[in-house]
Amino acid sequence: MPVDETVLRWKIDKDIQLYTFYLDVAVKTSVFLMAVTGGIASYAVSNTASPVSSLALGFPAVVNAGFAFLFFRSIVQAKRIAQVHTEACKALGVQEFNLEPLEAVCKIFSSMCAIATVGLLLLMAFQIRGGSSS
């Protein structure tokens, strides 16, 4: 069954638009998340007089864990977008665009959020432990 060239060109265009949208949202979300995490962490670290203030680290830890999971699950979808785009370009006989950076970004941001989660939980534990022993 022959594939319509117009449909393939439309699909390639939509693949690229989807790719740029996902990449844009991933970077903006990660920057915003790290800004919020840094703000809350700096508040908790600067207010060590009360161990209760260290509980504020729980919120960014949970949010970072959620985004680590979301970015981890997105790795498979990023691979799929790149694969479908490559197949459509081959069927049309045009050079495909490199859509693999989205997969790398998802891996990096997933790791970054996971490390931030562990760091925040450790910081919270050390602050609570340090505050209760004094």
N, C-alpha and C. Protein backbone atom coordinates (compact mmCIF):
# COMPACT_ATOMS: atom_id res chain seq x y z
N MET A 1 0.85 -1.18 0.00
CA MET A 1 0.00 0.00 0.00
C MET A 1 0.89 1.24 0.00
N PRO A 2 0.81 2.06 -1.04
CA PRO A 2 1.67 3.25 -1.10
C PRO A 2 1.23 4.30 -0.07
N VAL A 3 2.23 4.94 0.47
CA VAL A 3 1.97 5.98 1.47
C VAL A 3 1.98 7.33 0.77
N ASP A 4 1.01 8.15 1.10
CA ASP A 4 0.89 9.46 0.49
C ASP A 4 2.05 10.36 0.94
N GLU A 5 2.72 11.00 -0.02
CA GLU A 5 3.87 11.86 0.28
C GLU A 5 3.47 13.05 1.15
N THR A 6 2.28 13.58 0.91
CA THR A 6 1.81 14.72 1.70
C THR A 6 1.64 14.33 3.16
N VAL A 7 1.09 13.15 3.38
CA VAL A 7 0.90 12.67 4.75
C VAL A 7 2.25 12.47 5.44
N LEU A 8 3.21 11.90 4.73
CA LEU A 8 4.54 11.70 5.32
C LEU A 8 5.21 13.03 5.65
N ARG A 9 5.11 13.99 4.75
CA ARG A 9 5.70 15.31 5.04
C ARG A 9 5.03 15.96 6.24
N TRP A 10 3.72 15.82 6.34
CA TRP A 10 2.99 16.36 7.48
C TRP A 10 3.45 15.66 8.76
N LYS A 11 3.61 14.33 8.69
CA LYS A 11 4.05 13.57 9.86
C LYS A 11 5.45 13.97 10.30
N ILE A 12 6.34 14.15 9.35
CA ILE A 12 7.71 14.58 9.68
C ILE A 12 7.68 15.96 10.33
N ASP A 13 6.87 16.85 9.79
CA ASP A 13 6.74 18.19 10.36
C ASP A 13 6.20 18.13 11.79
N LYS A 14 5.20 17.29 12.02
CA LYS A 14 4.63 17.15 13.36
C LYS A 14 5.63 16.50 14.32
N ASP A 15 6.41 15.54 13.83
CA ASP A 15 7.44 14.93 14.67
C ASP A 15 8.44 15.98 15.16
N ILE A 16 8.85 16.84 14.26
CA ILE A 16 9.83 17.87 14.63
C ILE A 16 9.21 18.89 15.58
N GLN A 17 7.95 19.27 15.34
CA GLN A 17 7.28 20.19 16.25
C GLN A 17 7.13 19.57 17.64
N LEU A 18 6.74 18.30 17.68
CA LEU A 18 6.59 17.61 18.96
C LEU A 18 7.93 17.51 19.68
N TYR A 19 8.97 17.19 18.95
CA TYR A 19 10.31 17.09 19.51
C TYR A 19 10.74 18.42 20.13
N THR A 20 10.59 19.51 19.38
CA THR A 20 11.00 20.82 19.91
C THR A 20 10.16 21.22 21.11
N PHE A 21 8.88 20.90 21.08
CA PHE A 21 8.01 21.21 22.23
C PHE A 21 8.47 20.44 23.46
N TYR A 22 8.69 19.14 23.32
CA TYR A 22 9.12 18.33 24.46
C TYR A 22 10.47 18.79 25.00
N LEU A 23 11.39 19.09 24.11
CA LEU A 23 12.71 19.54 24.54
C LEU A 23 12.60 20.88 25.28
N ASP A 24 11.80 21.78 24.76
CA ASP A 24 11.59 23.09 25.38
C ASP A 24 10.96 22.95 26.77
N VAL A 25 9.92 22.15 26.86
CA VAL A 25 9.24 21.96 28.14
C VAL A 25 10.16 21.27 29.15
N ALA A 26 10.92 20.28 28.70
CA ALA A 26 11.82 19.57 29.61
C ALA A 26 12.86 20.51 30.20
N VAL A 27 13.46 21.34 29.37
CA VAL A 27 14.50 22.25 29.85
C VAL A 27 13.89 23.31 30.79
N LYS A 28 12.77 23.90 30.39
CA LYS A 28 12.14 24.92 31.24
C LYS A 28 11.67 24.34 32.56
N THR A 29 11.11 23.15 32.53
CA THR A 29 10.65 22.51 33.76
C THR A 29 11.82 22.22 34.69
N SER A 30 12.89 21.72 34.13
CA SER A 30 14.05 21.39 34.94
C SER A 30 14.68 22.63 35.56
N VAL A 31 14.78 23.69 34.79
CA VAL A 31 15.34 24.95 35.33
C VAL A 31 14.45 25.49 36.45
N PHE A 32 13.14 25.48 36.24
CA PHE A 32 12.21 25.95 37.27
C PHE A 32 12.30 25.07 38.52
N LEU A 33 12.34 23.77 38.31
CA LEU A 33 12.42 22.84 39.44
C LEU A 33 13.69 23.05 40.26
N MET A 34 14.81 23.24 39.58
CA MET A 34 16.06 23.44 40.31
C MET A 34 16.07 24.79 41.03
N ALA A 35 15.42 25.80 40.45
CA ALA A 35 15.33 27.10 41.13
C ALA A 35 14.50 26.99 42.40
N VAL A 36 13.37 26.31 42.32
CA VAL A 36 12.52 26.13 43.50
C VAL A 36 13.24 25.28 44.55
N THR A 37 13.87 24.22 44.09
CA THR A 37 14.61 23.34 45.01
C THR A 37 15.74 24.10 45.70
N GLY A 38 16.47 24.89 44.94
CA GLY A 38 17.56 25.68 45.52
C GLY A 38 17.06 26.71 46.51
N GLY A 39 15.94 27.35 46.20
CA GLY A 39 15.38 28.34 47.12
C GLY A 39 14.94 27.73 48.44
N ILE A 40 14.24 26.62 48.36
CA ILE A 40 13.78 25.96 49.58
C ILE A 40 14.96 25.39 50.36
N ALA A 41 15.92 24.82 49.66
CA ALA A 41 17.09 24.25 50.34
C ALA A 41 17.91 25.35 51.03
N SER A 42 18.08 26.48 50.36
CA SER A 42 18.85 27.56 50.99
C SER A 42 18.12 28.11 52.21
N TYR A 43 16.79 28.15 52.17
CA TYR A 43 16.02 28.59 53.33
C TYR A 43 16.22 27.61 54.49
N ALA A 44 16.11 26.32 54.18
CA ALA A 44 16.23 25.31 55.24
C ALA A 44 17.64 25.29 55.83
N VAL A 45 18.65 25.48 55.00
CA VAL A 45 20.03 25.46 55.49
C VAL A 45 20.33 26.71 56.31
N SER A 46 19.76 27.85 55.93
CA SER A 46 20.04 29.09 56.66
C SER A 46 19.26 29.18 57.97
N ASN A 47 18.22 28.40 58.13
CA ASN A 47 17.42 28.41 59.36
C ASN A 47 17.58 27.09 60.11
N THR A 48 18.78 26.84 60.57
CA THR A 48 19.06 25.58 61.26
C THR A 48 18.71 25.62 62.74
N ALA A 49 18.26 26.75 63.23
CA ALA A 49 17.93 26.85 64.65
C ALA A 49 16.77 25.92 65.00
N SER A 50 15.85 25.75 64.10
CA SER A 50 14.70 24.88 64.34
C SER A 50 14.76 23.68 63.39
N PRO A 51 14.74 22.47 63.92
CA PRO A 51 14.76 21.29 63.04
C PRO A 51 13.49 21.16 62.21
N VAL A 52 12.45 21.85 62.62
CA VAL A 52 11.19 21.80 61.88
C VAL A 52 11.36 22.43 60.49
N SER A 53 12.22 23.45 60.40
CA SER A 53 12.42 24.09 59.09
C SER A 53 13.05 23.13 58.08
N SER A 54 13.75 22.11 58.57
CA SER A 54 14.34 21.14 57.64
C SER A 54 13.27 20.25 57.01
N LEU A 55 12.10 20.19 57.61
CA LEU A 55 11.01 19.41 57.01
C LEU A 55 10.54 20.03 55.69
N ALA A 56 10.86 21.30 55.49
CA ALA A 56 10.53 21.95 54.22
C ALA A 56 11.25 21.30 53.05
N LEU A 57 12.33 20.59 53.33
CA LEU A 57 13.06 19.89 52.27
C LEU A 57 12.30 18.69 51.73
N GLY A 58 11.29 18.26 52.46
CA GLY A 58 10.48 17.12 52.01
C GLY A 58 9.72 17.42 50.73
N PHE A 59 9.21 18.64 50.61
CA PHE A 59 8.44 19.00 49.41
C PHE A 59 9.28 18.93 48.14
N PRO A 60 10.42 19.63 48.07
CA PRO A 60 11.20 19.51 46.84
C PRO A 60 11.75 18.10 46.61
N ALA A 61 11.95 17.35 47.69
CA ALA A 61 12.42 15.97 47.52
C ALA A 61 11.36 15.13 46.82
N VAL A 62 10.12 15.28 47.24
CA VAL A 62 9.02 14.54 46.61
C VAL A 62 8.81 14.99 45.17
N VAL A 63 8.86 16.29 44.93
CA VAL A 63 8.68 16.81 43.57
C VAL A 63 9.81 16.34 42.66
N ASN A 64 11.04 16.39 43.15
CA ASN A 64 12.17 15.91 42.35
C ASN A 64 12.06 14.41 42.08
N ALA A 65 11.58 13.64 43.05
CA ALA A 65 11.40 12.20 42.83
C ALA A 65 10.35 11.96 41.75
N GLY A 66 9.29 12.74 41.78
CA GLY A 66 8.25 12.61 40.75
C GLY A 66 8.78 12.93 39.37
N PHE A 67 9.56 13.99 39.26
CA PHE A 67 10.11 14.36 37.96
C PHE A 67 11.21 13.39 37.52
N ALA A 68 11.93 12.81 38.47
CA ALA A 68 12.92 11.79 38.10
C ALA A 68 12.20 10.61 37.46
N PHE A 69 11.09 10.20 38.05
CA PHE A 69 10.30 9.11 37.49
C PHE A 69 9.71 9.50 36.13
N LEU A 70 9.19 10.70 36.02
CA LEU A 70 8.60 11.17 34.76
C LEU A 70 9.65 11.22 33.65
N PHE A 71 10.81 11.79 33.92
CA PHE A 71 11.87 11.84 32.92
C PHE A 71 12.37 10.43 32.58
N PHE A 72 12.44 9.55 33.58
CA PHE A 72 12.87 8.18 33.32
C PHE A 72 11.90 7.47 32.38
N ARG A 73 10.61 7.65 32.63
CA ARG A 73 9.60 7.03 31.76
C ARG A 73 9.59 7.67 30.37
N SER A 74 10.01 8.90 30.26
CA SER A 74 10.02 9.60 28.98
C SER A 74 11.14 9.15 28.06
N ILE A 75 12.14 8.47 28.59
CA ILE A 75 13.26 8.00 27.77
C ILE A 75 12.75 7.08 26.66
N VAL A 76 11.86 6.17 27.00
CA VAL A 76 11.31 5.23 26.02
C VAL A 76 10.53 5.98 24.94
N GLN A 77 9.75 6.97 25.35
CA GLN A 77 8.96 7.73 24.38
C GLN A 77 9.85 8.58 23.48
N ALA A 78 10.93 9.10 24.03
CA ALA A 78 11.87 9.87 23.20
C ALA A 78 12.51 8.98 22.14
N LYS A 79 12.85 7.75 22.52
CA LYS A 79 13.39 6.80 21.55
C LYS A 79 12.37 6.50 20.47
N ARG A 80 11.11 6.34 20.87
CA ARG A 80 10.05 6.02 19.92
C ARG A 80 9.83 7.16 18.94
N ILE A 81 9.84 8.39 19.42
CA ILE A 81 9.67 9.55 18.54
C ILE A 81 10.79 9.58 17.50
N ALA A 82 12.02 9.35 17.93
CA ALA A 82 13.16 9.35 17.00
C ALA A 82 13.04 8.22 15.99
N GLN A 83 12.61 7.05 16.44
CA GLN A 83 12.49 5.90 15.55
C GLN A 83 11.39 6.12 14.51
N VAL A 84 10.24 6.60 14.93
CA VAL A 84 9.13 6.84 14.00
C VAL A 84 9.52 7.91 13.00
N HIS A 85 10.23 8.93 13.46
CA HIS A 85 10.68 10.00 12.56
C HIS A 85 11.65 9.44 11.52
N THR A 86 12.57 8.61 11.95
CA THR A 86 13.54 8.00 11.02
C THR A 86 12.83 7.14 9.98
N GLU A 87 11.85 6.36 10.41
CA GLU A 87 11.11 5.51 9.47
C GLU A 87 10.34 6.34 8.45
N ALA A 88 9.72 7.43 8.91
CA ALA A 88 8.96 8.28 7.99
C ALA A 88 9.90 8.95 6.98
N CYS A 89 11.05 9.39 7.43
CA CYS A 89 12.01 10.03 6.53
C CYS A 89 12.56 9.04 5.51
N LYS A 90 12.82 7.81 5.94
CA LYS A 90 13.30 6.79 5.00
C LYS A 90 12.23 6.46 3.97
N ALA A 91 10.98 6.39 4.40
CA ALA A 91 9.89 6.09 3.47
C ALA A 91 9.73 7.20 2.44
N LEU A 92 10.03 8.43 2.84
CA LEU A 92 9.91 9.57 1.93
C LEU A 92 11.19 9.78 1.13
N GLY A 93 12.29 9.24 1.64
CA GLY A 93 13.57 9.39 0.95
C GLY A 93 14.26 10.71 1.22
N VAL A 94 14.04 11.25 2.42
CA VAL A 94 14.70 12.50 2.81
C VAL A 94 15.58 12.23 4.02
N GLN A 95 16.54 13.12 4.21
CA GLN A 95 17.46 13.01 5.35
C GLN A 95 16.69 13.31 6.64
N GLU A 96 16.85 12.45 7.63
CA GLU A 96 16.16 12.67 8.90
C GLU A 96 16.95 13.64 9.78
N PHE A 97 16.23 14.26 10.70
CA PHE A 97 16.85 15.13 11.69
C PHE A 97 17.27 14.28 12.87
N ASN A 98 18.27 14.72 13.58
CA ASN A 98 18.75 14.00 14.75
C ASN A 98 17.85 14.35 15.93
N LEU A 99 17.00 13.42 16.32
CA LEU A 99 16.10 13.63 17.44
C LEU A 99 16.58 12.93 18.71
N GLU A 100 17.80 12.44 18.69
CA GLU A 100 18.33 11.72 19.84
C GLU A 100 18.67 12.59 21.05
N PRO A 101 18.93 13.89 20.89
CA PRO A 101 19.21 14.69 22.10
C PRO A 101 18.08 14.69 23.13
N LEU A 102 16.84 14.50 22.71
CA LEU A 102 15.73 14.45 23.67
C LEU A 102 15.90 13.27 24.61
N GLU A 103 16.32 12.14 24.09
CA GLU A 103 16.57 10.97 24.93
C GLU A 103 17.69 11.26 25.94
N ALA A 104 18.76 11.90 25.47
CA ALA A 104 19.88 12.24 26.36
C ALA A 104 19.44 13.23 27.44
N VAL A 105 18.63 14.20 27.06
CA VAL A 105 18.13 15.19 28.02
C VAL A 105 17.27 14.50 29.07
N CYS A 106 16.42 13.57 28.66
CA CYS A 106 15.60 12.85 29.63
C CYS A 106 16.46 12.04 30.59
N LYS A 107 17.51 11.42 30.09
CA LYS A 107 18.42 10.65 30.96
C LYS A 107 19.13 11.57 31.94
N ILE A 108 19.63 12.69 31.45
CA ILE A 108 20.36 13.63 32.30
C ILE A 108 19.44 14.21 33.37
N PHE A 109 18.25 14.66 32.97
CA PHE A 109 17.33 15.27 33.94
C PHE A 109 16.78 14.24 34.92
N SER A 110 16.59 13.00 34.47
CA SER A 110 16.15 11.96 35.39
C SER A 110 17.21 11.71 36.46
N SER A 111 18.46 11.62 36.02
CA SER A 111 19.56 11.42 36.97
C SER A 111 19.71 12.62 37.90
N MET A 112 19.61 13.81 37.34
CA MET A 112 19.76 15.02 38.12
C MET A 112 18.67 15.11 39.21
N CYS A 113 17.44 14.81 38.85
CA CYS A 113 16.34 14.86 39.81
C CYS A 113 16.48 13.77 40.87
N ALA A 114 16.95 12.59 40.46
CA ALA A 114 17.14 11.50 41.42
C ALA A 114 18.24 11.86 42.42
N ILE A 115 19.32 12.43 41.93
CA ILE A 115 20.42 12.84 42.82
C ILE A 115 19.97 13.95 43.75
N ALA A 116 19.18 14.89 43.21
CA ALA A 116 18.65 15.97 44.06
C ALA A 116 17.74 15.41 45.14
N THR A 117 16.94 14.41 44.81
CA THR A 117 16.04 13.80 45.80
C THR A 117 16.85 13.18 46.93
N VAL A 118 17.84 12.39 46.58
CA VAL A 118 18.68 11.74 47.58
C VAL A 118 19.40 12.79 48.43
N GLY A 119 19.94 13.80 47.78
CA GLY A 119 20.64 14.86 48.52
C GLY A 119 19.74 15.60 49.48
N LEU A 120 18.54 15.93 49.03
CA LEU A 120 17.59 16.64 49.90
C LEU A 120 17.17 15.79 51.08
N LEU A 121 16.93 14.51 50.84
CA LEU A 121 16.54 13.63 51.95
C LEU A 121 17.68 13.45 52.95
N LEU A 122 18.90 13.33 52.44
CA LEU A 122 20.06 13.23 53.35
C LEU A 122 20.24 14.52 54.14
N LEU A 123 20.12 15.65 53.47
CA LEU A 123 20.24 16.93 54.17
C LEU A 123 19.17 17.08 55.24
N MET A 124 17.95 16.68 54.90
CA MET A 124 16.86 16.75 55.87
C MET A 124 17.16 15.84 57.06
N ALA A 125 17.64 14.63 56.80
CA ALA A 125 17.95 13.70 57.89
C ALA A 125 19.07 14.23 58.78
N PHE A 126 20.13 14.79 58.17
CA PHE A 126 21.24 15.33 58.95
C PHE A 126 20.79 16.53 59.78
N GLN A 127 19.95 17.37 59.22
CA GLN A 127 19.49 18.53 59.98
C GLN A 127 18.58 18.13 61.13
N ILE A 128 17.71 17.18 60.90
CA ILE A 128 16.81 16.72 61.98
C ILE A 128 17.62 16.03 63.06
N ARG A 129 18.55 15.18 62.64
CA ARG A 129 19.40 14.48 63.60
C ARG A 129 20.27 15.46 64.39
N GLY A 130 20.84 16.43 63.68
CA GLY A 130 21.68 17.43 64.35
C GLY A 130 20.90 18.31 65.29
N GLY A 131 19.64 18.61 64.93
CA GLY A 131 18.81 19.48 65.77
C GLY A 131 18.30 18.77 66.99
N SER A 132 18.09 17.46 66.92
CA SER A 132 17.55 16.73 68.06
C SER A 132 18.64 16.36 69.06
N SER A 133 19.90 16.31 68.62
CA SER A 133 20.97 15.94 69.56
C SER A 133 21.53 17.13 70.33
N SER A 134 21.19 18.36 69.92
CA SER A 134 21.73 19.51 70.66
C SER A 134 20.87 19.93 71.80
